[in-house]
Amino acid sequence: MTKCPDSVVSCVDMNGDELAEGVLRYAFRQLLGNNGYVHVVDVPESFDHVAFLRELGTFQPTPTGTVVGDVKPEWGMDDVNHGQNRGGLQPHTEGYEFRGTPPRYLALWCVRPAEGRGGETTMLDGDRVLAEFDESERQHFLETVYQWKSTEGLARRGVVPTAEHPVLEERDGELIFRYSTSYLEIPEGDELARRLIDRGGALYEENHIAIRYKKRDLVVWDNWRMLHSRNAFEDPQRHLKRVQIAG
């Protein structure tokens, strides 16, 4: 799969001149609301990613406490499921294993793209998964509280959170969708939760978009709506920056 051009915005116009800041922000907000994510390309060296993203909301610390974090391979972590290695990741939303409200937005920008194959950020609109369930089944996900675990990679770093949440939660008139292929504890006999994970995984495999980075590219998505993952890669020099943003 490839990225959808409808969600790509360029920092330059048809003449190759930098897009006016107000125009860029308008297009960015429109695409983020309509499609759930935006891929910003042709980013000039002068672009301030942090200042641009602060207009979306307050930055939240990552699980290891960093506010603006680095996403790059760590030595000795390739044998576990972890964002800081070169392995592929399974579809998920962010923050399900913590007790508070998950971040509304996630953003990644590229310091150094991976050379060779792999390293794409992949995504699927969670609305496509929820459309597989009728109103009564979605009500089950609103009313049933589940146990959520954390990854082996975080545990190796001493971060071992668990939390209890429903899959769906209404907050200020909007819907939060929590999803994890491996870390949602499915109670015995809960066939709806099993179908959610199985069907979500199949839809993700068939319909995800894959974003290939160039230097300074920025990707932002609505974490209450979008599932995301990553393709495995070999280049140990791949380096992204990452922030989590409250709504």
Protein backbone atom coordinates (compact mmCIF):
# COMPACT_ATOMS: atom_id res chain seq x y z
CA MET A 1 0.00 0.00 0.00
CA THR A 2 1.05 3.63 -0.48
CA LYS A 3 0.11 6.91 1.09
CA CYS A 4 -3.09 8.63 -0.01
CA PRO A 5 -2.19 11.83 -1.93
CA ASP A 6 -5.33 13.46 -0.54
CA SER A 7 -3.55 13.68 2.83
CA VAL A 8 -0.24 15.11 1.60
CA VAL A 9 0.48 18.84 1.88
CA SER A 10 3.61 20.47 0.48
CA CYS A 11 5.46 23.37 2.08
CA VAL A 12 6.08 24.86 -1.38
CA ASP A 13 3.72 26.08 -4.09
CA MET A 14 3.70 25.34 -7.83
CA ASN A 15 6.49 27.88 -8.37
CA GLY A 16 8.71 26.19 -5.81
CA ASP A 17 8.28 29.08 -3.38
CA GLU A 18 7.56 28.44 0.29
CA LEU A 19 3.85 28.29 1.01
CA ALA A 20 2.48 31.15 3.09
CA GLU A 21 2.33 30.07 6.73
CA GLY A 22 -1.40 30.74 7.04
CA VAL A 23 -2.17 28.70 3.92
CA LEU A 24 -0.07 25.78 5.15
CA ARG A 25 -1.78 25.76 8.54
CA TYR A 26 -5.24 25.94 6.97
CA ALA A 27 -4.55 23.01 4.61
CA PHE A 28 -2.96 21.03 7.43
CA ARG A 29 -5.93 21.45 9.78
CA GLN A 30 -8.41 20.62 7.03
CA LEU A 31 -6.66 17.41 6.02
CA LEU A 32 -6.14 16.31 9.62
CA GLY A 33 -9.84 16.72 10.38
CA ASN A 34 -11.06 15.13 7.16
CA ASN A 35 -8.66 12.20 6.81
CA GLY A 36 -7.27 11.64 10.30
CA TYR A 37 -3.64 12.23 9.30
CA VAL A 38 -1.38 14.55 7.32
CA HIS A 39 1.99 14.00 5.62
CA VAL A 40 3.88 17.30 5.21
CA VAL A 41 6.54 17.16 2.46
CA ASP A 42 9.09 19.51 0.83
CA VAL A 43 9.90 20.84 4.29
CA PRO A 44 12.56 23.62 4.26
CA GLU A 45 15.52 23.62 6.64
CA SER A 46 14.11 26.71 8.37
CA PHE A 47 10.88 24.93 9.35
CA ASP A 48 10.40 24.72 13.14
CA HIS A 49 8.60 21.42 13.72
CA VAL A 50 8.17 21.97 17.46
CA ALA A 51 6.69 25.46 17.14
CA PHE A 52 4.33 24.30 14.40
CA LEU A 53 3.09 21.35 16.47
CA ARG A 54 2.60 23.35 19.67
CA GLU A 55 -0.39 25.01 18.03
CA LEU A 56 -2.19 21.65 18.12
CA GLY A 57 -2.08 21.45 21.93
CA THR A 58 0.06 20.73 24.96
CA PHE A 59 2.90 18.24 24.58
CA GLN A 60 2.61 15.15 26.78
CA PRO A 61 5.60 13.12 28.02
CA THR A 62 6.28 9.82 26.27
CA PRO A 63 6.30 6.60 28.39
CA THR A 64 9.99 7.17 29.22
CA GLY A 65 9.40 10.80 30.23
CA THR A 66 10.84 12.62 27.22
CA VAL A 67 8.72 15.41 25.78
CA VAL A 68 10.42 15.55 22.38
CA GLY A 69 11.70 12.01 21.98
CA ASP A 70 14.04 10.25 19.59
CA VAL A 71 12.91 7.19 17.66
CA LYS A 72 16.00 5.28 16.63
CA PRO A 73 17.28 1.74 17.15
CA GLU A 74 18.66 0.95 20.59
CA TRP A 75 21.30 -1.72 21.05
CA GLY A 76 20.02 -5.02 22.42
CA MET A 77 16.31 -4.40 21.76
CA ASP A 78 15.75 -6.20 18.45
CA ASP A 79 14.45 -9.34 20.18
CA VAL A 80 11.36 -7.71 21.72
CA ASN A 81 8.36 -5.70 20.58
CA HIS A 82 9.58 -2.12 20.97
CA GLY A 83 9.42 1.17 19.10
CA GLN A 84 13.17 1.70 19.59
CA ASN A 85 14.37 -1.17 17.43
CA ARG A 86 14.36 -2.17 13.76
CA GLY A 87 11.49 -4.61 13.89
CA GLY A 88 8.02 -4.21 12.53
CA LEU A 89 5.30 -3.12 14.93
CA GLN A 90 1.76 -4.43 15.24
CA PRO A 91 -1.25 -2.16 14.72
CA HIS A 92 -2.21 -0.14 17.77
CA THR A 93 -3.26 3.20 19.13
CA GLU A 94 -1.03 5.00 21.60
CA GLY A 95 -1.51 5.24 25.36
CA TYR A 96 -3.95 2.39 26.03
CA GLU A 97 -1.72 1.04 28.84
CA PHE A 98 -1.86 4.25 30.89
CA ARG A 99 -4.72 5.28 33.16
CA GLY A 100 -5.25 8.75 31.75
CA THR A 101 -6.71 9.98 28.48
CA PRO A 102 -4.51 8.92 25.54
CA PRO A 103 -2.80 11.64 23.51
CA ARG A 104 -5.04 13.16 20.88
CA TYR A 105 -2.30 13.58 18.29
CA LEU A 106 1.00 11.90 17.53
CA ALA A 107 3.67 13.47 15.36
CA LEU A 108 6.87 12.11 13.82
CA TRP A 109 9.40 14.02 11.78
CA CYS A 110 12.41 12.68 9.98
CA VAL A 111 15.99 13.51 10.96
CA ARG A 112 17.47 10.71 8.86
CA PRO A 113 15.40 8.37 6.68
CA ALA A 114 16.15 4.67 6.49
CA GLU A 115 18.29 3.64 3.56
CA GLY A 116 17.13 0.52 1.78
CA ARG A 117 13.84 -1.23 2.30
CA GLY A 118 11.38 -0.70 5.14
CA GLY A 119 10.94 1.90 7.85
CA GLU A 120 7.59 3.21 6.66
CA THR A 121 5.00 4.38 9.16
CA THR A 122 1.73 2.60 8.35
CA MET A 123 -1.80 3.63 9.28
CA LEU A 124 -5.46 2.69 8.93
CA ASP A 125 -8.54 4.74 9.74
CA GLY A 126 -10.13 3.09 12.78
CA ASP A 127 -13.55 4.10 11.48
CA ARG A 128 -13.14 1.33 8.90
CA VAL A 129 -12.78 -1.20 11.70
CA LEU A 130 -15.71 0.12 13.74
CA ALA A 131 -17.93 0.06 10.65
CA GLU A 132 -17.77 -3.75 10.90
CA PHE A 133 -19.83 -3.63 14.13
CA ASP A 134 -23.46 -2.66 14.61
CA GLU A 135 -24.79 -0.21 17.20
CA SER A 136 -25.38 -2.83 19.91
CA GLU A 137 -21.89 -4.28 19.42
CA ARG A 138 -20.32 -0.83 19.65
CA GLN A 139 -22.30 -0.26 22.83
CA HIS A 140 -20.61 -3.36 24.23
CA PHE A 141 -17.24 -1.72 23.59
CA LEU A 142 -18.43 1.45 25.34
CA GLU A 143 -19.68 -0.39 28.43
CA THR A 144 -17.15 -3.22 28.88
CA VAL A 145 -13.93 -2.41 30.75
CA TYR A 146 -10.86 -4.36 29.64
CA GLN A 147 -7.36 -4.88 31.02
CA TRP A 148 -4.54 -3.44 28.89
CA LYS A 149 -0.88 -4.47 29.23
CA SER A 150 2.34 -2.88 27.97
CA THR A 151 5.14 -4.00 25.67
CA GLU A 152 8.14 -6.12 26.51
CA GLY A 153 10.40 -3.33 25.32
CA LEU A 154 9.04 -0.85 27.84
CA ALA A 155 9.25 -3.49 30.57
CA ARG A 156 12.96 -3.95 29.82
CA ARG A 157 13.36 -0.22 30.46
CA GLY A 158 11.52 -0.48 33.78
CA VAL A 159 8.18 0.88 32.54
CA VAL A 160 5.46 -1.67 33.34
CA PRO A 161 2.09 0.09 33.29
CA THR A 162 -1.32 -1.59 33.13
CA ALA A 163 -4.70 0.08 32.91
CA GLU A 164 -8.40 -0.63 32.65
CA HIS A 165 -10.40 1.04 29.90
CA PRO A 166 -13.24 0.33 27.51
CA VAL A 167 -12.34 0.01 23.84
CA LEU A 168 -14.55 3.01 23.07
CA GLU A 169 -14.92 6.05 25.27
CA GLU A 170 -16.85 9.27 24.71
CA ARG A 171 -15.02 12.43 25.71
CA ASP A 172 -16.45 15.93 25.18
CA GLY A 173 -18.68 14.72 22.36
CA GLU A 174 -15.89 12.83 20.57
CA LEU A 175 -15.02 9.15 20.44
CA ILE A 176 -11.77 7.61 21.65
CA PHE A 177 -10.91 4.26 20.04
CA ARG A 178 -8.31 2.11 21.84
CA TYR A 179 -6.77 -0.81 20.00
CA SER A 180 -3.84 -3.20 20.44
CA THR A 181 -3.24 -6.39 18.52
CA SER A 182 -1.40 -8.10 21.41
CA TYR A 183 -1.92 -6.15 24.63
CA LEU A 184 -5.70 -6.09 25.03
CA GLU A 185 -6.59 -8.83 27.51
CA ILE A 186 -9.60 -10.61 25.99
CA PRO A 187 -11.84 -12.25 28.61
CA GLU A 188 -12.88 -15.83 28.03
CA GLY A 189 -16.02 -15.96 25.93
CA ASP A 190 -15.84 -12.35 24.70
CA GLU A 191 -16.23 -13.13 21.03
CA LEU A 192 -16.78 -9.48 20.10
CA ALA A 193 -13.37 -8.47 21.43
CA ARG A 194 -11.76 -11.39 19.60
CA ARG A 195 -13.53 -10.37 16.39
CA LEU A 196 -12.38 -6.77 16.89
CA ILE A 197 -8.72 -7.81 17.01
CA ASP A 198 -8.96 -10.40 14.23
CA ARG A 199 -11.01 -8.26 11.86
CA GLY A 200 -8.97 -5.17 12.65
CA GLY A 201 -5.78 -7.02 11.81
CA ALA A 202 -7.18 -8.28 8.51
CA LEU A 203 -8.43 -4.85 7.48
CA TYR A 204 -5.09 -3.33 8.42
CA GLU A 205 -3.20 -5.82 6.29
CA GLU A 206 -5.48 -5.22 3.31
CA ASN A 207 -6.01 -1.46 3.46
CA HIS A 208 -3.25 0.35 5.39
CA ILE A 209 -1.37 3.27 3.92
CA ALA A 210 2.44 3.35 4.14
CA ILE A 211 4.40 6.59 4.47
CA ARG A 212 8.00 6.63 3.25
CA TYR A 213 10.04 9.44 4.77
CA LYS A 214 12.36 12.00 3.27
CA LYS A 215 14.48 14.24 5.47
CA ARG A 216 12.39 16.75 7.50
CA ASP A 217 9.07 15.15 6.45
CA LEU A 218 6.39 15.53 9.13
CA VAL A 219 3.57 13.06 9.80
CA VAL A 220 0.75 13.86 12.23
CA TRP A 221 -2.31 11.75 13.01
CA ASP A 222 -5.37 11.67 15.24
CA ASN A 223 -4.58 8.99 17.81
CA TRP A 224 -8.21 8.75 18.94
CA ARG A 225 -9.12 7.59 15.45
CA MET A 226 -6.15 6.11 13.56
CA LEU A 227 -4.36 2.79 14.07
CA HIS A 228 -0.64 2.90 13.32
CA SER A 229 2.34 0.61 12.96
CA ARG A 230 5.76 0.39 11.29
CA ASN A 231 7.45 -1.77 8.70
CA ALA A 232 10.70 -3.46 9.71
CA PHE A 233 13.96 -2.00 8.37
CA GLU A 234 17.71 -2.72 8.42
CA ASP A 235 19.39 0.71 8.53
CA PRO A 236 20.61 1.37 12.11
CA GLN A 237 20.90 5.11 11.35
CA ARG A 238 17.16 5.71 10.83
CA HIS A 239 16.18 8.56 13.14
CA LEU A 240 12.83 10.23 13.76
CA LYS A 241 11.67 12.76 16.34
CA ARG A 242 8.39 12.15 18.18
CA VAL A 243 5.89 14.09 20.25
CA GLN A 244 2.53 13.30 21.84
CA ILE A 245 -0.03 16.09 21.97
CA ALA A 246 -3.08 16.45 24.19
CA GLY A 247 -6.31 17.50 22.52
